[in-house]
N, C-alpha and C. Protein backbone atom coordinates (compact mmCIF):
# COMPACT_ATOMS: atom_id res chain seq x y z
N GLN A 1 34.40 -85.04 135.54
CA GLN A 1 33.67 -83.83 135.17
C GLN A 1 33.85 -83.58 133.67
N GLU A 2 32.75 -83.49 132.97
CA GLU A 2 32.81 -83.22 131.55
C GLU A 2 33.06 -81.74 131.32
N SER A 3 33.86 -81.42 130.32
CA SER A 3 34.14 -80.02 130.04
C SER A 3 33.21 -79.46 128.97
N CYS A 4 32.57 -80.34 128.22
CA CYS A 4 31.68 -79.93 127.14
C CYS A 4 30.23 -80.02 127.62
N PRO A 5 29.44 -78.97 127.37
CA PRO A 5 28.03 -79.04 127.78
C PRO A 5 27.32 -80.21 127.12
N ALA A 6 26.47 -80.88 127.89
CA ALA A 6 25.75 -82.05 127.37
C ALA A 6 24.25 -81.91 127.62
N ILE A 7 23.50 -82.28 126.61
CA ILE A 7 22.05 -82.25 126.67
C ILE A 7 21.56 -83.67 126.91
N LYS A 8 20.61 -83.84 127.83
CA LYS A 8 20.05 -85.18 128.10
C LYS A 8 18.93 -85.52 127.13
N ASN A 9 18.07 -84.52 126.84
CA ASN A 9 16.99 -84.73 125.87
C ASN A 9 16.41 -83.41 125.42
N ILE A 10 15.73 -83.46 124.30
CA ILE A 10 14.94 -82.33 123.81
C ILE A 10 13.55 -82.90 123.54
N LEU A 11 12.54 -82.25 124.10
CA LEU A 11 11.17 -82.73 123.98
C LEU A 11 10.29 -81.65 123.35
N LEU A 12 9.43 -82.07 122.46
CA LEU A 12 8.37 -81.22 121.93
C LEU A 12 7.08 -81.97 122.16
N LEU A 13 6.27 -81.46 123.10
CA LEU A 13 5.02 -82.11 123.48
C LEU A 13 3.84 -81.23 123.11
N ASP A 14 2.67 -81.84 122.99
CA ASP A 14 1.48 -81.04 122.70
C ASP A 14 0.86 -80.55 124.02
N SER A 15 -0.29 -79.89 123.91
CA SER A 15 -0.92 -79.28 125.09
C SER A 15 -1.50 -80.30 126.05
N GLU A 16 -1.48 -81.59 125.67
CA GLU A 16 -1.94 -82.65 126.57
C GLU A 16 -0.77 -83.47 127.10
N GLY A 17 0.45 -83.08 126.76
CA GLY A 17 1.64 -83.79 127.22
C GLY A 17 2.02 -84.98 126.36
N LYS A 18 1.42 -85.10 125.19
CA LYS A 18 1.75 -86.21 124.29
C LYS A 18 2.89 -85.81 123.36
N ARG A 19 3.67 -86.80 122.93
CA ARG A 19 4.84 -86.56 122.07
C ARG A 19 4.45 -85.98 120.71
N VAL A 20 5.21 -84.98 120.30
CA VAL A 20 5.19 -84.53 118.92
C VAL A 20 6.52 -84.94 118.30
N ALA A 21 7.62 -84.53 118.95
CA ALA A 21 8.97 -84.94 118.53
C ALA A 21 9.85 -84.94 119.77
N VAL A 22 10.58 -86.03 119.97
CA VAL A 22 11.50 -86.11 121.11
C VAL A 22 12.80 -86.74 120.66
N ASN A 23 13.87 -86.39 121.35
CA ASN A 23 15.15 -87.01 121.10
C ASN A 23 15.89 -87.13 122.41
N TYR A 24 16.31 -88.34 122.76
CA TYR A 24 17.06 -88.59 123.98
C TYR A 24 18.52 -88.85 123.62
N TYR A 25 19.42 -88.22 124.38
CA TYR A 25 20.85 -88.33 124.10
C TYR A 25 21.62 -89.03 125.21
N SER A 26 20.92 -89.59 126.19
CA SER A 26 21.60 -90.29 127.28
C SER A 26 20.82 -91.55 127.62
N ASP A 27 21.47 -92.42 128.38
CA ASP A 27 20.84 -93.67 128.79
C ASP A 27 20.16 -93.55 130.15
N ASP A 28 19.88 -92.33 130.58
CA ASP A 28 19.23 -92.13 131.88
C ASP A 28 17.83 -92.73 131.90
N TRP A 29 17.21 -92.84 130.74
CA TRP A 29 15.89 -93.43 130.61
C TRP A 29 16.03 -94.61 129.65
N PRO A 30 16.28 -95.80 130.17
CA PRO A 30 16.65 -96.94 129.30
C PRO A 30 15.51 -97.51 128.46
N THR A 31 14.28 -97.35 128.91
CA THR A 31 13.16 -97.94 128.17
C THR A 31 12.22 -96.85 127.67
N ASN A 32 11.40 -97.21 126.70
CA ASN A 32 10.41 -96.26 126.20
C ASN A 32 9.42 -95.88 127.30
N ALA A 33 9.07 -96.84 128.16
CA ALA A 33 8.15 -96.56 129.27
C ALA A 33 8.76 -95.52 130.23
N ALA A 34 10.06 -95.64 130.49
CA ALA A 34 10.73 -94.66 131.36
C ALA A 34 10.73 -93.28 130.72
N LYS A 35 10.95 -93.23 129.41
CA LYS A 35 10.94 -91.95 128.70
C LYS A 35 9.56 -91.32 128.75
N GLU A 36 8.53 -92.12 128.50
CA GLU A 36 7.16 -91.59 128.53
C GLU A 36 6.77 -91.13 129.94
N ALA A 37 7.22 -91.86 130.95
CA ALA A 37 6.93 -91.46 132.34
C ALA A 37 7.60 -90.14 132.65
N PHE A 38 8.85 -89.96 132.20
CA PHE A 38 9.56 -88.69 132.42
C PHE A 38 8.81 -87.55 131.72
N GLU A 39 8.42 -87.76 130.47
CA GLU A 39 7.69 -86.73 129.71
C GLU A 39 6.40 -86.34 130.41
N LYS A 40 5.66 -87.34 130.87
CA LYS A 40 4.39 -87.09 131.55
C LYS A 40 4.62 -86.30 132.85
N ALA A 41 5.64 -86.69 133.61
CA ALA A 41 5.92 -86.03 134.89
C ALA A 41 6.40 -84.59 134.68
N VAL A 42 7.27 -84.37 133.70
CA VAL A 42 7.75 -83.00 133.41
C VAL A 42 6.59 -82.14 132.95
N PHE A 43 5.74 -82.69 132.09
CA PHE A 43 4.59 -81.93 131.61
C PHE A 43 3.67 -81.56 132.77
N ALA A 44 3.38 -82.53 133.65
CA ALA A 44 2.50 -82.28 134.79
C ALA A 44 3.08 -81.19 135.70
N LYS A 45 4.39 -81.20 135.90
CA LYS A 45 5.02 -80.20 136.77
C LYS A 45 4.99 -78.79 136.16
N THR A 46 5.06 -78.70 134.84
CA THR A 46 5.21 -77.38 134.21
C THR A 46 3.94 -76.83 133.58
N GLN A 47 2.89 -77.63 133.43
CA GLN A 47 1.74 -77.18 132.65
C GLN A 47 1.00 -75.99 133.26
N LYS A 48 1.10 -75.79 134.56
CA LYS A 48 0.37 -74.68 135.19
C LYS A 48 1.16 -73.36 135.13
N THR A 49 2.41 -73.42 134.65
CA THR A 49 3.20 -72.20 134.56
C THR A 49 2.89 -71.48 133.25
N ASN A 50 3.33 -70.24 133.16
CA ASN A 50 3.07 -69.45 131.97
C ASN A 50 4.41 -69.10 131.32
N ALA A 51 4.98 -70.06 130.59
CA ALA A 51 6.29 -69.87 129.97
C ALA A 51 6.13 -69.50 128.51
N ARG A 52 5.37 -68.46 128.24
CA ARG A 52 5.13 -68.07 126.86
C ARG A 52 6.05 -66.95 126.40
N ALA A 53 6.27 -65.96 127.23
CA ALA A 53 7.09 -64.82 126.84
C ALA A 53 8.57 -65.18 126.84
N GLU A 54 9.02 -65.86 127.87
CA GLU A 54 10.42 -66.25 127.93
C GLU A 54 10.53 -67.61 128.61
N ALA A 55 11.69 -68.21 128.47
CA ALA A 55 11.91 -69.56 129.00
C ALA A 55 11.89 -69.57 130.52
N GLU A 56 11.42 -70.68 131.06
CA GLU A 56 11.43 -70.91 132.50
C GLU A 56 12.40 -72.05 132.80
N ILE A 57 12.90 -72.06 134.02
CA ILE A 57 13.84 -73.10 134.44
C ILE A 57 13.31 -73.76 135.70
N THR A 58 13.41 -75.09 135.77
CA THR A 58 13.00 -75.81 136.98
C THR A 58 13.94 -76.98 137.21
N MET A 59 14.02 -77.41 138.45
CA MET A 59 14.74 -78.64 138.80
C MET A 59 13.70 -79.75 138.89
N PHE A 60 14.04 -80.90 138.31
CA PHE A 60 13.11 -82.02 138.33
C PHE A 60 13.91 -83.31 138.35
N ASP A 61 13.74 -84.14 139.39
CA ASP A 61 14.45 -85.42 139.50
C ASP A 61 15.96 -85.30 139.26
N ASN A 62 16.58 -84.30 139.86
CA ASN A 62 18.02 -84.04 139.70
C ASN A 62 18.42 -83.68 138.27
N TYR A 63 17.50 -83.12 137.51
CA TYR A 63 17.79 -82.60 136.18
C TYR A 63 17.35 -81.14 136.14
N ILE A 64 18.04 -80.37 135.31
CA ILE A 64 17.59 -79.01 135.04
C ILE A 64 16.76 -79.08 133.77
N VAL A 65 15.54 -78.56 133.84
CA VAL A 65 14.66 -78.54 132.68
C VAL A 65 14.34 -77.09 132.35
N VAL A 66 14.65 -76.72 131.11
CA VAL A 66 14.34 -75.38 130.61
C VAL A 66 13.20 -75.57 129.61
N TYR A 67 12.18 -74.71 129.71
CA TYR A 67 11.01 -74.93 128.86
C TYR A 67 10.35 -73.64 128.44
N LYS A 68 9.59 -73.74 127.35
CA LYS A 68 8.89 -72.59 126.80
C LYS A 68 7.69 -73.12 126.01
N PHE A 69 6.59 -72.36 126.03
CA PHE A 69 5.38 -72.79 125.35
C PHE A 69 5.05 -71.83 124.20
N ALA A 70 4.44 -72.37 123.15
CA ALA A 70 3.92 -71.56 122.04
C ALA A 70 2.65 -72.24 121.56
N GLN A 71 1.56 -71.52 121.53
CA GLN A 71 0.27 -72.07 121.13
C GLN A 71 0.00 -73.36 121.89
N ASP A 72 -0.13 -74.48 121.16
CA ASP A 72 -0.39 -75.76 121.80
C ASP A 72 0.84 -76.68 121.79
N LEU A 73 2.03 -76.08 121.71
CA LEU A 73 3.29 -76.84 121.74
C LEU A 73 4.12 -76.44 122.96
N HIS A 74 4.72 -77.45 123.58
CA HIS A 74 5.56 -77.23 124.76
C HIS A 74 6.97 -77.73 124.43
N PHE A 75 7.95 -76.84 124.49
CA PHE A 75 9.34 -77.14 124.17
C PHE A 75 10.11 -77.34 125.47
N PHE A 76 10.90 -78.42 125.58
CA PHE A 76 11.69 -78.71 126.77
C PHE A 76 13.11 -79.11 126.37
N VAL A 77 14.10 -78.65 127.15
CA VAL A 77 15.47 -79.10 127.02
C VAL A 77 15.93 -79.50 128.42
N THR A 78 16.50 -80.71 128.55
CA THR A 78 16.91 -81.23 129.85
C THR A 78 18.43 -81.41 129.88
N GLY A 79 19.01 -81.04 131.02
CA GLY A 79 20.43 -81.25 131.25
C GLY A 79 20.65 -81.78 132.66
N SER A 80 21.86 -82.21 132.96
CA SER A 80 22.14 -82.71 134.31
C SER A 80 22.10 -81.56 135.31
N ASP A 81 22.07 -81.90 136.59
CA ASP A 81 21.91 -80.87 137.62
C ASP A 81 23.12 -79.95 137.75
N ASN A 82 24.24 -80.29 137.14
CA ASN A 82 25.40 -79.39 137.19
C ASN A 82 25.65 -78.69 135.86
N GLU A 83 24.68 -78.76 134.96
CA GLU A 83 24.82 -78.12 133.64
C GLU A 83 24.54 -76.63 133.74
N ASN A 84 25.10 -75.88 132.82
CA ASN A 84 24.91 -74.43 132.77
C ASN A 84 23.52 -74.12 132.21
N GLU A 85 22.71 -73.43 133.01
CA GLU A 85 21.33 -73.11 132.60
C GLU A 85 21.29 -72.21 131.37
N ILE A 86 22.28 -71.36 131.22
CA ILE A 86 22.30 -70.44 130.08
C ILE A 86 22.50 -71.21 128.78
N ILE A 87 23.34 -72.23 128.82
CA ILE A 87 23.54 -73.06 127.62
C ILE A 87 22.27 -73.82 127.30
N LEU A 88 21.63 -74.39 128.32
CA LEU A 88 20.36 -75.10 128.09
C LEU A 88 19.32 -74.16 127.51
N ALA A 89 19.26 -72.94 128.05
CA ALA A 89 18.29 -71.96 127.56
C ALA A 89 18.60 -71.54 126.12
N SER A 90 19.88 -71.44 125.77
CA SER A 90 20.21 -71.05 124.39
C SER A 90 19.88 -72.18 123.41
N VAL A 91 20.04 -73.45 123.83
CA VAL A 91 19.63 -74.58 123.00
C VAL A 91 18.11 -74.53 122.79
N LEU A 92 17.37 -74.31 123.88
CA LEU A 92 15.92 -74.21 123.80
C LEU A 92 15.50 -73.08 122.86
N GLN A 93 16.11 -71.91 123.01
CA GLN A 93 15.75 -70.76 122.19
C GLN A 93 16.08 -71.00 120.72
N GLY A 94 17.22 -71.66 120.46
CA GLY A 94 17.58 -71.97 119.08
C GLY A 94 16.58 -72.91 118.43
N PHE A 95 16.17 -73.94 119.18
CA PHE A 95 15.16 -74.90 118.69
C PHE A 95 13.83 -74.17 118.46
N PHE A 96 13.42 -73.38 119.43
CA PHE A 96 12.17 -72.63 119.37
C PHE A 96 12.16 -71.69 118.15
N ASP A 97 13.26 -70.94 117.97
CA ASP A 97 13.34 -69.99 116.85
C ASP A 97 13.36 -70.72 115.50
N ALA A 98 14.12 -71.80 115.41
CA ALA A 98 14.21 -72.54 114.15
C ALA A 98 12.86 -73.12 113.75
N VAL A 99 12.14 -73.68 114.72
CA VAL A 99 10.81 -74.23 114.44
C VAL A 99 9.88 -73.10 114.00
N GLY A 100 9.97 -71.94 114.65
CA GLY A 100 9.15 -70.80 114.26
C GLY A 100 9.42 -70.34 112.84
N ILE A 101 10.69 -70.33 112.46
CA ILE A 101 11.07 -69.93 111.09
C ILE A 101 10.57 -70.96 110.08
N LEU A 102 10.81 -72.23 110.37
CA LEU A 102 10.44 -73.29 109.42
C LEU A 102 8.93 -73.46 109.27
N LEU A 103 8.20 -73.19 110.35
CA LEU A 103 6.73 -73.30 110.28
C LEU A 103 6.10 -71.96 109.90
N ARG A 104 6.94 -71.04 109.50
CA ARG A 104 6.50 -69.69 109.09
C ARG A 104 5.63 -69.04 110.15
N VAL A 105 6.11 -69.04 111.36
CA VAL A 105 5.50 -68.41 112.54
C VAL A 105 4.17 -69.06 112.94
N ASN A 106 3.73 -70.09 112.23
CA ASN A 106 2.49 -70.79 112.55
C ASN A 106 2.83 -71.99 113.45
N VAL A 107 3.31 -71.69 114.67
CA VAL A 107 3.81 -72.73 115.57
C VAL A 107 2.65 -73.34 116.34
N GLU A 108 2.09 -74.41 115.78
CA GLU A 108 1.02 -75.14 116.44
C GLU A 108 1.14 -76.61 116.06
N LYS A 109 0.45 -77.46 116.82
CA LYS A 109 0.61 -78.91 116.68
C LYS A 109 0.32 -79.41 115.27
N LYS A 110 -0.77 -78.97 114.67
CA LYS A 110 -1.15 -79.45 113.33
C LYS A 110 -0.03 -79.17 112.33
N GLU A 111 0.47 -77.95 112.34
CA GLU A 111 1.54 -77.55 111.43
C GLU A 111 2.84 -78.31 111.74
N ALA A 112 3.11 -78.51 113.03
CA ALA A 112 4.31 -79.24 113.43
C ALA A 112 4.26 -80.69 112.93
N LEU A 113 3.10 -81.33 113.05
CA LEU A 113 2.98 -82.71 112.58
C LEU A 113 3.10 -82.80 111.06
N GLU A 114 2.57 -81.81 110.35
CA GLU A 114 2.68 -81.80 108.90
C GLU A 114 4.13 -81.61 108.45
N ASN A 115 4.94 -80.98 109.28
CA ASN A 115 6.34 -80.71 108.96
C ASN A 115 7.29 -81.41 109.93
N LEU A 116 6.88 -82.58 110.38
CA LEU A 116 7.66 -83.32 111.37
C LEU A 116 9.08 -83.61 110.88
N ASP A 117 9.23 -83.86 109.59
CA ASP A 117 10.57 -84.11 109.05
C ASP A 117 11.50 -82.92 109.28
N LEU A 118 10.99 -81.71 109.12
CA LEU A 118 11.81 -80.51 109.35
C LEU A 118 12.18 -80.37 110.82
N ILE A 119 11.23 -80.68 111.71
CA ILE A 119 11.49 -80.56 113.14
C ILE A 119 12.54 -81.59 113.57
N LEU A 120 12.44 -82.81 113.06
CA LEU A 120 13.43 -83.83 113.39
C LEU A 120 14.81 -83.46 112.85
N LEU A 121 14.85 -82.84 111.67
CA LEU A 121 16.12 -82.36 111.14
C LEU A 121 16.69 -81.25 112.01
N CYS A 122 15.82 -80.41 112.55
CA CYS A 122 16.26 -79.36 113.49
C CYS A 122 16.97 -79.98 114.67
N LEU A 123 16.36 -81.01 115.25
CA LEU A 123 16.97 -81.68 116.40
C LEU A 123 18.35 -82.21 116.05
N ASP A 124 18.49 -82.77 114.84
CA ASP A 124 19.78 -83.29 114.40
C ASP A 124 20.81 -82.19 114.21
N GLU A 125 20.38 -81.02 113.78
CA GLU A 125 21.30 -79.90 113.57
C GLU A 125 21.73 -79.25 114.88
N ILE A 126 20.88 -79.34 115.91
CA ILE A 126 21.17 -78.67 117.18
C ILE A 126 22.10 -79.50 118.04
N VAL A 127 21.80 -80.78 118.21
CA VAL A 127 22.53 -81.65 119.14
C VAL A 127 22.87 -82.96 118.44
N ASP A 128 24.09 -83.43 118.67
CA ASP A 128 24.50 -84.74 118.16
C ASP A 128 25.10 -85.53 119.31
N GLY A 129 24.44 -86.60 119.69
CA GLY A 129 24.94 -87.43 120.79
C GLY A 129 25.03 -86.69 122.11
N GLY A 130 24.21 -85.67 122.29
CA GLY A 130 24.22 -84.91 123.53
C GLY A 130 25.11 -83.68 123.48
N ILE A 131 25.94 -83.56 122.46
CA ILE A 131 26.85 -82.42 122.32
C ILE A 131 26.16 -81.34 121.49
N VAL A 132 26.19 -80.12 122.00
CA VAL A 132 25.55 -78.99 121.33
C VAL A 132 26.37 -78.60 120.10
N LEU A 133 25.70 -78.57 118.94
CA LEU A 133 26.37 -78.18 117.70
C LEU A 133 26.06 -76.74 117.31
N GLU A 134 24.81 -76.33 117.49
CA GLU A 134 24.37 -75.02 117.04
C GLU A 134 23.22 -74.52 117.89
N THR A 135 23.20 -73.20 118.18
CA THR A 135 22.10 -72.63 118.96
C THR A 135 21.43 -71.44 118.27
N ASP A 136 21.92 -71.04 117.12
CA ASP A 136 21.33 -69.91 116.40
C ASP A 136 20.18 -70.42 115.53
N GLY A 137 18.96 -69.99 115.85
CA GLY A 137 17.77 -70.45 115.14
C GLY A 137 17.81 -70.20 113.65
N ASN A 138 18.38 -69.06 113.22
CA ASN A 138 18.46 -68.76 111.79
C ASN A 138 19.40 -69.72 111.07
N VAL A 139 20.53 -70.05 111.69
CA VAL A 139 21.48 -70.98 111.10
C VAL A 139 20.88 -72.38 111.02
N ILE A 140 20.22 -72.79 112.10
CA ILE A 140 19.59 -74.12 112.14
C ILE A 140 18.54 -74.22 111.04
N ALA A 141 17.65 -73.23 110.98
CA ALA A 141 16.58 -73.24 109.97
C ALA A 141 17.17 -73.21 108.56
N GLY A 142 18.24 -72.45 108.37
CA GLY A 142 18.89 -72.38 107.06
C GLY A 142 19.45 -73.72 106.64
N LYS A 143 20.10 -74.41 107.57
CA LYS A 143 20.67 -75.74 107.25
C LYS A 143 19.56 -76.73 106.94
N VAL A 144 18.49 -76.69 107.73
CA VAL A 144 17.37 -77.62 107.51
C VAL A 144 16.71 -77.32 106.17
N ALA A 145 16.47 -76.05 105.89
CA ALA A 145 15.80 -75.67 104.64
C ALA A 145 16.66 -76.04 103.43
N SER A 146 17.97 -75.87 103.54
CA SER A 146 18.83 -76.20 102.40
C SER A 146 18.91 -77.70 102.18
N ASN A 147 18.69 -78.49 103.24
CA ASN A 147 18.72 -79.94 103.12
C ASN A 147 17.37 -80.53 102.75
N SER A 148 16.30 -79.74 102.83
CA SER A 148 14.98 -80.35 102.68
C SER A 148 14.48 -80.35 101.24
N VAL A 149 14.02 -79.23 100.72
CA VAL A 149 13.32 -79.28 99.44
C VAL A 149 14.11 -78.59 98.34
N ASP A 150 14.46 -79.35 97.32
CA ASP A 150 15.01 -78.81 96.08
C ASP A 150 14.08 -79.28 94.98
N SER A 151 13.03 -78.48 94.73
CA SER A 151 11.99 -78.93 93.81
C SER A 151 12.48 -79.02 92.37
N GLY A 152 13.68 -78.51 92.09
CA GLY A 152 14.21 -78.61 90.74
C GLY A 152 14.86 -79.95 90.47
N ALA A 153 15.15 -80.70 91.51
CA ALA A 153 15.79 -82.00 91.33
C ALA A 153 14.79 -83.00 90.76
N PRO A 154 15.28 -83.96 89.96
CA PRO A 154 14.36 -84.98 89.45
C PRO A 154 13.75 -85.79 90.61
N LEU A 155 12.52 -86.25 90.43
CA LEU A 155 11.83 -86.97 91.50
C LEU A 155 12.62 -88.17 92.00
N SER A 156 13.40 -88.81 91.12
CA SER A 156 14.15 -89.99 91.53
C SER A 156 15.25 -89.66 92.53
N GLU A 157 15.68 -88.39 92.58
CA GLU A 157 16.75 -88.00 93.50
C GLU A 157 16.23 -87.33 94.77
N GLN A 158 14.93 -87.23 94.91
CA GLN A 158 14.33 -86.59 96.07
C GLN A 158 13.92 -87.64 97.10
N THR A 159 13.90 -87.22 98.37
CA THR A 159 13.37 -88.10 99.40
C THR A 159 11.85 -88.14 99.24
N ILE A 160 11.21 -89.04 99.94
CA ILE A 160 9.75 -89.16 99.84
C ILE A 160 9.08 -87.86 100.26
N SER A 161 9.54 -87.28 101.37
CA SER A 161 8.90 -86.03 101.84
C SER A 161 9.13 -84.90 100.85
N GLN A 162 10.32 -84.86 100.22
CA GLN A 162 10.59 -83.83 99.22
C GLN A 162 9.70 -84.04 97.99
N ALA A 163 9.56 -85.30 97.57
CA ALA A 163 8.73 -85.60 96.41
C ALA A 163 7.27 -85.23 96.68
N LEU A 164 6.79 -85.54 97.88
CA LEU A 164 5.41 -85.16 98.23
C LEU A 164 5.24 -83.65 98.25
N ALA A 165 6.22 -82.94 98.79
CA ALA A 165 6.14 -81.47 98.82
C ALA A 165 6.12 -80.91 97.40
N THR A 166 6.96 -81.47 96.52
CA THR A 166 6.99 -81.03 95.12
C THR A 166 5.65 -81.32 94.45
N ALA A 167 5.12 -82.52 94.67
CA ALA A 167 3.83 -82.87 94.08
C ALA A 167 2.72 -81.96 94.60
N ARG A 168 2.77 -81.64 95.89
CA ARG A 168 1.77 -80.74 96.49
C ARG A 168 1.84 -79.36 95.85
N GLU A 169 3.08 -78.86 95.62
CA GLU A 169 3.24 -77.55 94.97
C GLU A 169 2.67 -77.56 93.55
N HIS A 170 2.99 -78.61 92.79
CA HIS A 170 2.49 -78.70 91.41
C HIS A 170 0.97 -78.79 91.38
N LEU A 171 0.39 -79.55 92.30
CA LEU A 171 -1.06 -79.67 92.37
C LEU A 171 -1.70 -78.33 92.72
N ALA A 172 -1.11 -77.64 93.70
CA ALA A 172 -1.64 -76.32 94.09
C ALA A 172 -1.59 -75.34 92.93
N ARG A 173 -0.47 -75.34 92.20
CA ARG A 173 -0.35 -74.44 91.04
C ARG A 173 -1.39 -74.77 89.98
N SER A 174 -1.59 -76.08 89.72
CA SER A 174 -2.55 -76.45 88.67
C SER A 174 -4.00 -76.12 89.09
N LEU A 175 -4.28 -76.18 90.37
CA LEU A 175 -5.63 -75.84 90.83
C LEU A 175 -5.86 -74.33 90.80
N LEU A 176 -4.81 -73.56 90.96
CA LEU A 176 -4.94 -72.10 90.97
C LEU A 176 -5.04 -71.50 89.57
N LYS A 177 -4.70 -72.28 88.54
CA LYS A 177 -4.75 -71.75 87.17
C LYS A 177 -6.14 -71.62 86.68
């Protein structure tokens, strides 16, 4: 019996059940085909529910799945059947809140894909190897934002996404003049 809560996966799917961002922390799904089959099955089971106001919980294939929807994005957190639902729900809410903060409340697929690097960093800040690190959306978003764009740094010291964001800002400013 593990004493530390463990997350099996975190999924962010679109309104058709296709991947936007996913992270698996266990070997329960050894192949990409198994992962995609799980995603499709979970989406099919939950798509008719209305999990917009608050998170919903369901049992699926001996896993507890906690999920919530926003616009055309579906957020899922999966744990084993003996995991604490409240912990799973707090991980889901932290991810949901952090994405909302980072996307400036414009939580939809197009915006999520444009900021996929931030969403993937969120996943890294929330869970590491299945172990929950952080569940506060403000803290997660703060860590991601502080690691992402420092437009004052020279271009040679920026990541590609940071350099593109800086270039986009400079272009926008020059067009607005």
